[in-house]
Amino acid sequence: KSCVNALHIAATVVNTLTRYAFDEGSADFPGTSLQ
């Protein structure tokens, strides 16, 4: 209660980024992906 865990915030950030639905691409291009 006396501290703020930066890794816990980072985990939420990672979850938000990796779950975002980018475009699926087209006949010409693969979709956008984040790693």
PDB file of all heavy atoms in Angstrom:
ATOM      1  N   LYS A   1       0.815  -1.217   0.000  1.00  0.00           N
ATOM      2  CA  LYS A   1       0.000   0.000   0.000  1.00  0.00           C
ATOM      3  C   LYS A   1       0.851   1.271   0.000  1.00  0.00           C
ATOM      4  O   LYS A   1       0.349   2.346  -0.301  1.00  0.00           O
ATOM      5  CB  LYS A   1      -0.951   0.005   1.199  1.00  0.00           C
ATOM      6  CG  LYS A   1      -2.042  -1.053   1.100  1.00  0.00           C
ATOM      7  CD  LYS A   1      -3.019  -0.934   2.268  1.00  0.00           C
ATOM      8  CE  LYS A   1      -4.127  -1.966   2.144  1.00  0.00           C
ATOM      9  NZ  LYS A   1      -5.107  -1.867   3.264  1.00  0.00           N
ATOM     10  N   SER A   2       2.128   1.115   0.347  1.00  0.00           N
ATOM     11  CA  SER A   2       2.995   2.289   0.403  1.00  0.00           C
ATOM     12  C   SER A   2       3.848   2.451  -0.855  1.00  0.00           C
ATOM     13  O   SER A   2       4.729   3.305  -0.905  1.00  0.00           O
ATOM     14  CB  SER A   2       3.905   2.214   1.635  1.00  0.00           C
ATOM     15  OG  SER A   2       4.798   1.104   1.527  1.00  0.00           O
ATOM     16  N   CYS A   3       3.611   1.626  -1.856  1.00  0.00           N
ATOM     17  CA  CYS A   3       4.390   1.715  -3.100  1.00  0.00           C
ATOM     18  C   CYS A   3       3.487   1.491  -4.303  1.00  0.00           C
ATOM     19  O   CYS A   3       2.331   1.083  -4.170  1.00  0.00           O
ATOM     20  CB  CYS A   3       5.555   0.722  -3.087  1.00  0.00           C
ATOM     21  SG  CYS A   3       5.121  -0.947  -2.595  1.00  0.00           S
ATOM     22  N   VAL A   4       4.019   1.765  -5.477  1.00  0.00           N
ATOM     23  CA  VAL A   4       3.291   1.565  -6.735  1.00  0.00           C
ATOM     24  C   VAL A   4       4.167   0.711  -7.643  1.00  0.00           C
ATOM     25  O   VAL A   4       5.257   1.137  -8.040  1.00  0.00           O
ATOM     26  CB  VAL A   4       2.959   2.905  -7.420  1.00  0.00           C
ATOM     27  CG1 VAL A   4       2.235   2.647  -8.741  1.00  0.00           C
ATOM     28  CG2 VAL A   4       2.125   3.779  -6.508  1.00  0.00           C
ATOM     29  N   ASN A   5       3.717  -0.490  -7.949  1.00  0.00           N
ATOM     30  CA  ASN A   5       4.518  -1.440  -8.711  1.00  0.00           C
ATOM     31  C   ASN A   5       4.513  -1.078 -10.199  1.00  0.00           C
ATOM     32  O   ASN A   5       3.492  -1.213 -10.892  1.00  0.00           O
ATOM     33  CB  ASN A   5       3.981  -2.853  -8.514  1.00  0.00           C
ATOM     34  CG  ASN A   5       4.966  -3.916  -8.982  1.00  0.00           C
ATOM     35  OD1 ASN A   5       5.565  -3.789 -10.038  1.00  0.00           O
ATOM     36  ND2 ASN A   5       5.111  -4.971  -8.190  1.00  0.00           N
ATOM     37  N   ALA A   6       5.648  -0.621 -10.694  1.00  0.00           N
ATOM     38  CA  ALA A   6       5.744  -0.221 -12.104  1.00  0.00           C
ATOM     39  C   ALA A   6       5.531  -1.399 -13.050  1.00  0.00           C
ATOM     40  O   ALA A   6       4.992  -1.239 -14.152  1.00  0.00           O
ATOM     41  CB  ALA A   6       7.097   0.428 -12.372  1.00  0.00           C
ATOM     42  N   LEU A   7       5.920  -2.595 -12.615  1.00  0.00           N
ATOM     43  CA  LEU A   7       5.726  -3.778 -13.464  1.00  0.00           C
ATOM     44  C   LEU A   7       4.252  -4.132 -13.606  1.00  0.00           C
ATOM     45  O   LEU A   7       3.827  -4.612 -14.664  1.00  0.00           O
ATOM     46  CB  LEU A   7       6.498  -4.972 -12.905  1.00  0.00           C
ATOM     47  CG  LEU A   7       7.942  -5.132 -13.376  1.00  0.00           C
ATOM     48  CD1 LEU A   7       8.572  -6.368 -12.748  1.00  0.00           C
ATOM     49  CD2 LEU A   7       8.033  -5.223 -14.897  1.00  0.00           C
ATOM     50  N   HIS A   8       3.483  -3.926 -12.570  1.00  0.00           N
ATOM     51  CA  HIS A   8       2.044  -4.196 -12.678  1.00  0.00           C
ATOM     52  C   HIS A   8       1.394  -3.260 -13.690  1.00  0.00           C
ATOM     53  O   HIS A   8       0.542  -3.674 -14.476  1.00  0.00           O
ATOM     54  CB  HIS A   8       1.384  -4.041 -11.302  1.00  0.00           C
ATOM     55  CG  HIS A   8       1.752  -5.115 -10.341  1.00  0.00           C
ATOM     56  ND1 HIS A   8       1.237  -5.189  -9.053  1.00  0.00           N
ATOM     57  CD2 HIS A   8       2.588  -6.175 -10.464  1.00  0.00           C
ATOM     58  CE1 HIS A   8       1.747  -6.242  -8.432  1.00  0.00           C
ATOM     59  NE2 HIS A   8       2.575  -6.852  -9.267  1.00  0.00           N
ATOM     60  N   ILE A   9       1.804  -2.002 -13.657  1.00  0.00           N
ATOM     61  CA  ILE A   9       1.290  -1.061 -14.662  1.00  0.00           C
ATOM     62  C   ILE A   9       1.754  -1.495 -16.049  1.00  0.00           C
ATOM     63  O   ILE A   9       0.983  -1.479 -17.016  1.00  0.00           O
ATOM     64  CB  ILE A   9       1.770   0.372 -14.358  1.00  0.00           C
ATOM     65  CG1 ILE A   9       1.307   0.811 -12.963  1.00  0.00           C
ATOM     66  CG2 ILE A   9       1.243   1.341 -15.420  1.00  0.00           C
ATOM     67  CD1 ILE A   9       1.889   2.149 -12.525  1.00  0.00           C
ATOM     68  N   ALA A  10       3.024  -1.903 -16.143  1.00  0.00           N
ATOM     69  CA  ALA A  10       3.568  -2.347 -17.430  1.00  0.00           C
ATOM     70  C   ALA A  10       2.795  -3.544 -17.976  1.00  0.00           C
ATOM     71  O   ALA A  10       2.545  -3.638 -19.186  1.00  0.00           O
ATOM     72  CB  ALA A  10       5.049  -2.695 -17.284  1.00  0.00           C
ATOM     73  N   ALA A  11       2.393  -4.450 -17.091  1.00  0.00           N
ATOM     74  CA  ALA A  11       1.634  -5.624 -17.527  1.00  0.00           C
ATOM     75  C   ALA A  11       0.306  -5.212 -18.147  1.00  0.00           C
ATOM     76  O   ALA A  11      -0.134  -5.782 -19.161  1.00  0.00           O
ATOM     77  CB  ALA A  11       1.404  -6.558 -16.348  1.00  0.00           C
ATOM     78  N   THR A  12      -0.341  -4.206 -17.559  1.00  0.00           N
ATOM     79  CA  THR A  12      -1.601  -3.719 -18.115  1.00  0.00           C
ATOM     80  C   THR A  12      -1.378  -3.040 -19.460  1.00  0.00           C
ATOM     81  O   THR A  12      -2.173  -3.188 -20.396  1.00  0.00           O
ATOM     82  CB  THR A  12      -2.274  -2.743 -17.129  1.00  0.00           C
ATOM     83  OG1 THR A  12      -2.429  -3.378 -15.861  1.00  0.00           O
ATOM     84  CG2 THR A  12      -3.638  -2.312 -17.635  1.00  0.00           C
ATOM     85  N   VAL A  13      -0.273  -2.287 -19.562  1.00  0.00           N
ATOM     86  CA  VAL A  13       0.062  -1.650 -20.834  1.00  0.00           C
ATOM     87  C   VAL A  13       0.286  -2.702 -21.919  1.00  0.00           C
ATOM     88  O   VAL A  13      -0.235  -2.593 -23.041  1.00  0.00           O
ATOM     89  CB  VAL A  13       1.309  -0.753 -20.687  1.00  0.00           C
ATOM     90  CG1 VAL A  13       1.803  -0.295 -22.065  1.00  0.00           C
ATOM     91  CG2 VAL A  13       1.005   0.453 -19.821  1.00  0.00           C
ATOM     92  N   VAL A  14       1.074  -3.727 -21.596  1.00  0.00           N
ATOM     93  CA  VAL A  14       1.338  -4.801 -22.559  1.00  0.00           C
ATOM     94  C   VAL A  14       0.036  -5.471 -22.979  1.00  0.00           C
ATOM     95  O   VAL A  14      -0.197  -5.742 -24.163  1.00  0.00           O
ATOM     96  CB  VAL A  14       2.314  -5.827 -21.963  1.00  0.00           C
ATOM     97  CG1 VAL A  14       2.362  -7.089 -22.831  1.00  0.00           C
ATOM     98  CG2 VAL A  14       3.695  -5.226 -21.817  1.00  0.00           C
ATOM     99  N   ASN A  15      -0.828  -5.739 -22.026  1.00  0.00           N
ATOM    100  CA  ASN A  15      -2.107  -6.376 -22.321  1.00  0.00           C
ATOM    101  C   ASN A  15      -2.951  -5.505 -23.241  1.00  0.00           C
ATOM    102  O   ASN A  15      -3.582  -5.984 -24.193  1.00  0.00           O
ATOM    103  CB  ASN A  15      -2.868  -6.647 -21.018  1.00  0.00           C
ATOM    104  CG  ASN A  15      -4.059  -7.560 -21.224  1.00  0.00           C
ATOM    105  OD1 ASN A  15      -3.964  -8.610 -21.848  1.00  0.00           O
ATOM    106  ND2 ASN A  15      -5.197  -7.154 -20.681  1.00  0.00           N
ATOM    107  N   THR A  16      -2.941  -4.196 -22.989  1.00  0.00           N
ATOM    108  CA  THR A  16      -3.710  -3.268 -23.829  1.00  0.00           C
ATOM    109  C   THR A  16      -3.177  -3.243 -25.259  1.00  0.00           C
ATOM    110  O   THR A  16      -3.957  -3.279 -26.226  1.00  0.00           O
ATOM    111  CB  THR A  16      -3.656  -1.851 -23.224  1.00  0.00           C
ATOM    112  OG1 THR A  16      -4.226  -1.878 -21.914  1.00  0.00           O
ATOM    113  CG2 THR A  16      -4.413  -0.861 -24.089  1.00  0.00           C
ATOM    114  N   LEU A  17      -1.875  -3.196 -25.401  1.00  0.00           N
ATOM    115  CA  LEU A  17      -1.272  -3.129 -26.733  1.00  0.00           C
ATOM    116  C   LEU A  17      -1.472  -4.423 -27.516  1.00  0.00           C
ATOM    117  O   LEU A  17      -1.794  -4.401 -28.708  1.00  0.00           O
ATOM    118  CB  LEU A  17       0.220  -2.818 -26.626  1.00  0.00           C
ATOM    119  CG  LEU A  17       0.603  -1.423 -26.135  1.00  0.00           C
ATOM    120  CD1 LEU A  17       2.120  -1.310 -25.979  1.00  0.00           C
ATOM    121  CD2 LEU A  17       0.096  -0.346 -27.090  1.00  0.00           C
ATOM    122  N   THR A  18      -1.249  -5.547 -26.856  1.00  0.00           N
ATOM    123  CA  THR A  18      -1.286  -6.826 -27.573  1.00  0.00           C
ATOM    124  C   THR A  18      -2.705  -7.292 -27.883  1.00  0.00           C
ATOM    125  O   THR A  18      -2.904  -8.121 -28.767  1.00  0.00           O
ATOM    126  CB  THR A  18      -0.550  -7.920 -26.785  1.00  0.00           C
ATOM    127  OG1 THR A  18      -1.109  -8.027 -25.473  1.00  0.00           O
ATOM    128  CG2 THR A  18       0.936  -7.583 -26.672  1.00  0.00           C
ATOM    129  N   ARG A  19      -3.684  -6.762 -27.168  1.00  0.00           N
ATOM    130  CA  ARG A  19      -5.073  -7.145 -27.430  1.00  0.00           C
ATOM    131  C   ARG A  19      -5.770  -6.210 -28.406  1.00  0.00           C
ATOM    132  O   ARG A  19      -6.901  -6.474 -28.822  1.00  0.00           O
ATOM    133  CB  ARG A  19      -5.866  -7.193 -26.117  1.00  0.00           C
ATOM    134  CG  ARG A  19      -5.494  -8.363 -25.228  1.00  0.00           C
ATOM    135  CD  ARG A  19      -6.528  -8.570 -24.141  1.00  0.00           C
ATOM    136  NE  ARG A  19      -6.288  -9.791 -23.393  1.00  0.00           N
ATOM    137  CZ  ARG A  19      -7.121 -10.289 -22.482  1.00  0.00           C
ATOM    138  NH1 ARG A  19      -8.251  -9.649 -22.207  1.00  0.00           N
ATOM    139  NH2 ARG A  19      -6.829 -11.406 -21.845  1.00  0.00           N
ATOM    140  N   TYR A  20      -5.096  -5.132 -28.756  1.00  0.00           N
ATOM    141  CA  TYR A  20      -5.731  -4.195 -29.672  1.00  0.00           C
ATOM    142  C   TYR A  20      -5.892  -4.827 -31.044  1.00  0.00           C
ATOM    143  O   TYR A  20      -4.979  -5.485 -31.571  1.00  0.00           O
ATOM    144  CB  TYR A  20      -4.912  -2.901 -29.792  1.00  0.00           C
ATOM    145  CG  TYR A  20      -5.584  -1.868 -30.662  1.00  0.00           C
ATOM    146  CD1 TYR A  20      -6.620  -1.086 -30.160  1.00  0.00           C
ATOM    147  CD2 TYR A  20      -5.205  -1.701 -31.993  1.00  0.00           C
ATOM    148  CE1 TYR A  20      -7.249  -0.150 -30.962  1.00  0.00           C
ATOM    149  CE2 TYR A  20      -5.834  -0.770 -32.803  1.00  0.00           C
ATOM    150  CZ  TYR A  20      -6.864   0.003 -32.280  1.00  0.00           C
ATOM    151  OH  TYR A  20      -7.498   0.918 -33.087  1.00  0.00           O
ATOM    152  N   ALA A  21      -7.062  -4.632 -31.641  1.00  0.00           N
ATOM    153  CA  ALA A  21      -7.360  -5.225 -32.952  1.00  0.00           C
ATOM    154  C   ALA A  21      -6.903  -4.284 -34.061  1.00  0.00           C
ATOM    155  O   ALA A  21      -7.638  -3.381 -34.473  1.00  0.00           O
ATOM    156  CB  ALA A  21      -8.850  -5.512 -33.072  1.00  0.00           C
ATOM    157  N   PHE A  22      -5.661  -4.476 -34.511  1.00  0.00           N
ATOM    158  CA  PHE A  22      -5.179  -3.733 -35.672  1.00  0.00           C
ATOM    159  C   PHE A  22      -5.859  -4.283 -36.924  1.00  0.00           C
ATOM    160  O   PHE A  22      -6.646  -5.229 -36.862  1.00  0.00           O
ATOM    161  CB  PHE A  22      -3.664  -3.876 -35.801  1.00  0.00           C
ATOM    162  CG  PHE A  22      -2.887  -3.250 -34.685  1.00  0.00           C
ATOM    163  CD1 PHE A  22      -2.390  -4.024 -33.648  1.00  0.00           C
ATOM    164  CD2 PHE A  22      -2.644  -1.889 -34.671  1.00  0.00           C
ATOM    165  CE1 PHE A  22      -1.670  -3.454 -32.618  1.00  0.00           C
ATOM    166  CE2 PHE A  22      -1.918  -1.300 -33.647  1.00  0.00           C
ATOM    167  CZ  PHE A  22      -1.431  -2.088 -32.613  1.00  0.00           C
ATOM    168  N   ASP A  23      -5.549  -3.693 -38.066  1.00  0.00           N
ATOM    169  CA  ASP A  23      -6.131  -4.184 -39.312  1.00  0.00           C
ATOM    170  C   ASP A  23      -5.669  -5.611 -39.596  1.00  0.00           C
ATOM    171  O   ASP A  23      -4.602  -6.045 -39.163  1.00  0.00           O
ATOM    172  CB  ASP A  23      -5.712  -3.274 -40.469  1.00  0.00           C
ATOM    173  CG  ASP A  23      -4.223  -3.299 -40.712  1.00  0.00           C
ATOM    174  OD1 ASP A  23      -3.492  -2.637 -39.949  1.00  0.00           O
ATOM    175  OD2 ASP A  23      -3.778  -3.997 -41.640  1.00  0.00           O
ATOM    176  N   GLU A  24      -6.480  -6.347 -40.323  1.00  0.00           N
ATOM    177  CA  GLU A  24      -6.172  -7.729 -40.669  1.00  0.00           C
ATOM    178  C   GLU A  24      -5.442  -7.848 -42.000  1.00  0.00           C
ATOM    179  O   GLU A  24      -5.177  -8.951 -42.475  1.00  0.00           O
ATOM    180  CB  GLU A  24      -7.452  -8.562 -40.690  1.00  0.00           C
ATOM    181  CG  GLU A  24      -8.127  -8.657 -39.320  1.00  0.00           C
ATOM    182  CD  GLU A  24      -9.352  -9.540 -39.342  1.00  0.00           C
ATOM    183  OE1 GLU A  24      -9.727 -10.021 -40.447  1.00  0.00           O
ATOM    184  OE2 GLU A  24      -9.948  -9.749 -38.275  1.00  0.00           O
ATOM    185  N   GLY A  25      -5.122  -6.708 -42.596  1.00  0.00           N
ATOM    186  CA  GLY A  25      -4.422  -6.747 -43.868  1.00  0.00           C
ATOM    187  C   GLY A  25      -5.374  -6.794 -45.040  1.00  0.00           C
ATOM    188  O   GLY A  25      -6.570  -6.556 -44.916  1.00  0.00           O
ATOM    189  N   SER A  26      -4.817  -7.129 -46.194  1.00  0.00           N
ATOM    190  CA  SER A  26      -5.595  -7.170 -47.421  1.00  0.00           C
ATOM    191  C   SER A  26      -5.004  -8.242 -48.327  1.00  0.00           C
ATOM    192  O   SER A  26      -4.103  -8.978 -47.934  1.00  0.00           O
ATOM    193  CB  SER A  26      -5.551  -5.806 -48.120  1.00  0.00           C
ATOM    194  OG  SER A  26      -4.215  -5.493 -48.496  1.00  0.00           O
ATOM    195  N   ALA A  27      -5.510  -8.285 -49.536  1.00  0.00           N
ATOM    196  CA  ALA A  27      -4.964  -9.250 -50.501  1.00  0.00           C
ATOM    197  C   ALA A  27      -3.505  -8.941 -50.811  1.00  0.00           C
ATOM    198  O   ALA A  27      -2.739  -9.830 -51.192  1.00  0.00           O
ATOM    199  CB  ALA A  27      -5.792  -9.226 -51.780  1.00  0.00           C
ATOM    200  N   ASP A  28      -3.112  -7.686 -50.633  1.00  0.00           N
ATOM    201  CA  ASP A  28      -1.747  -7.271 -50.953  1.00  0.00           C
ATOM    202  C   ASP A  28      -0.802  -7.292 -49.761  1.00  0.00           C
ATOM    203  O   ASP A  28       0.404  -7.458 -49.926  1.00  0.00           O
ATOM    204  CB  ASP A  28      -1.756  -5.855 -51.543  1.00  0.00           C
ATOM    205  CG  ASP A  28      -2.508  -5.779 -52.860  1.00  0.00           C
ATOM    206  OD1 ASP A  28      -2.368  -6.718 -53.660  1.00  0.00           O
ATOM    207  OD2 ASP A  28      -3.228  -4.794 -53.066  1.00  0.00           O
ATOM    208  N   PHE A  29      -1.326  -7.097 -48.542  1.00  0.00           N
ATOM    209  CA  PHE A  29      -0.475  -6.920 -47.378  1.00  0.00           C
ATOM    210  C   PHE A  29      -0.921  -7.804 -46.220  1.00  0.00           C
ATOM    211  O   PHE A  29      -2.123  -7.928 -45.958  1.00  0.00           O
ATOM    212  CB  PHE A  29      -0.541  -5.466 -46.888  1.00  0.00           C
ATOM    213  CG  PHE A  29       0.609  -4.613 -47.325  1.00  0.00           C
ATOM    214  CD1 PHE A  29       0.412  -3.579 -48.210  1.00  0.00           C
ATOM    215  CD2 PHE A  29       1.876  -4.824 -46.833  1.00  0.00           C
ATOM    216  CE1 PHE A  29       1.453  -2.778 -48.614  1.00  0.00           C
ATOM    217  CE2 PHE A  29       2.936  -4.017 -47.226  1.00  0.00           C
ATOM    218  CZ  PHE A  29       2.728  -2.998 -48.114  1.00  0.00           C
ATOM    219  N   PRO A  30       0.038  -8.394 -45.468  1.00  0.00           N
ATOM    220  CA  PRO A  30      -0.320  -8.997 -44.185  1.00  0.00           C
ATOM    221  C   PRO A  30      -0.806  -7.901 -43.237  1.00  0.00           C
ATOM    222  O   PRO A  30      -0.511  -6.729 -43.420  1.00  0.00           O
ATOM    223  CB  PRO A  30       1.010  -9.603 -43.687  1.00  0.00           C
ATOM    224  CG  PRO A  30       1.892  -9.660 -44.883  1.00  0.00           C
ATOM    225  CD  PRO A  30       1.457  -8.536 -45.776  1.00  0.00           C
ATOM    226  N   GLY A  31      -1.559  -8.288 -42.212  1.00  0.00           N
ATOM    227  CA  GLY A  31      -2.069  -7.316 -41.267  1.00  0.00           C
ATOM    228  C   GLY A  31      -0.991  -6.757 -40.355  1.00  0.00           C
ATOM    229  O   GLY A  31       0.137  -7.260 -40.294  1.00  0.00           O
ATOM    230  N   THR A  32      -1.351  -5.705 -39.625  1.00  0.00           N
ATOM    231  CA  THR A  32      -0.437  -5.075 -38.680  1.00  0.00           C
ATOM    232  C   THR A  32      -0.302  -5.936 -37.428  1.00  0.00           C
ATOM    233  O   THR A  32      -1.293  -6.460 -36.916  1.00  0.00           O
ATOM    234  CB  THR A  32      -0.957  -3.676 -38.300  1.00  0.00           C
ATOM    235  OG1 THR A  32      -0.994  -2.868 -39.481  1.00  0.00           O
ATOM    236  CG2 THR A  32      -0.083  -3.014 -37.249  1.00  0.00           C
ATOM    237  N   SER A  33       0.922  -6.075 -36.928  1.00  0.00           N
ATOM    238  CA  SER A  33       1.161  -6.888 -35.737  1.00  0.00           C
ATOM    239  C   SER A  33       2.157  -6.193 -34.822  1.00  0.00           C
ATOM    240  O   SER A  33       3.087  -5.543 -35.290  1.00  0.00           O
ATOM    241  CB  SER A  33       1.682  -8.283 -36.111  1.00  0.00           C
ATOM    242  OG  SER A  33       2.933  -8.183 -36.779  1.00  0.00           O
ATOM    243  N   LEU A  34       1.941  -6.345 -33.518  1.00  0.00           N
ATOM    244  CA  LEU A  34       2.821  -5.764 -32.504  1.00  0.00           C
ATOM    245  C   LEU A  34       3.403  -6.877 -31.647  1.00  0.00           C
ATOM    246  O   LEU A  34       2.677  -7.768 -31.195  1.00  0.00           O
ATOM    247  CB  LEU A  34       2.047  -4.774 -31.633  1.00  0.00           C
ATOM    248  CG  LEU A  34       2.820  -4.046 -30.526  1.00  0.00           C
ATOM    249  CD1 LEU A  34       2.245  -2.647 -30.297  1.00  0.00           C
ATOM    250  CD2 LEU A  34       2.814  -4.824 -29.203  1.00  0.00           C
ATOM    251  N   GLN A  35       4.716  -6.812 -31.437  1.00  0.00           N
ATOM    252  CA  GLN A  35       5.392  -7.786 -30.590  1.00  0.00           C
ATOM    253  C   GLN A  35       6.217  -7.068 -29.529  1.00  0.00           C
ATOM    254  O   GLN A  35       7.011  -6.177 -29.857  1.00  0.00           O
ATOM    255  CB  GLN A  35       6.303  -8.700 -31.416  1.00  0.00           C
ATOM    256  CG  GLN A  35       5.564  -9.625 -32.363  1.00  0.00           C
ATOM    257  CD  GLN A  35       4.721 -10.658 -31.633  1.00  0.00           C
ATOM    258  OE1 GLN A  35       5.173 -11.271 -30.667  1.00  0.00           O
ATOM    259  NE2 GLN A  35       3.490 -10.831 -32.092  1.00  0.00           N
TER     260      GLN A  35
END
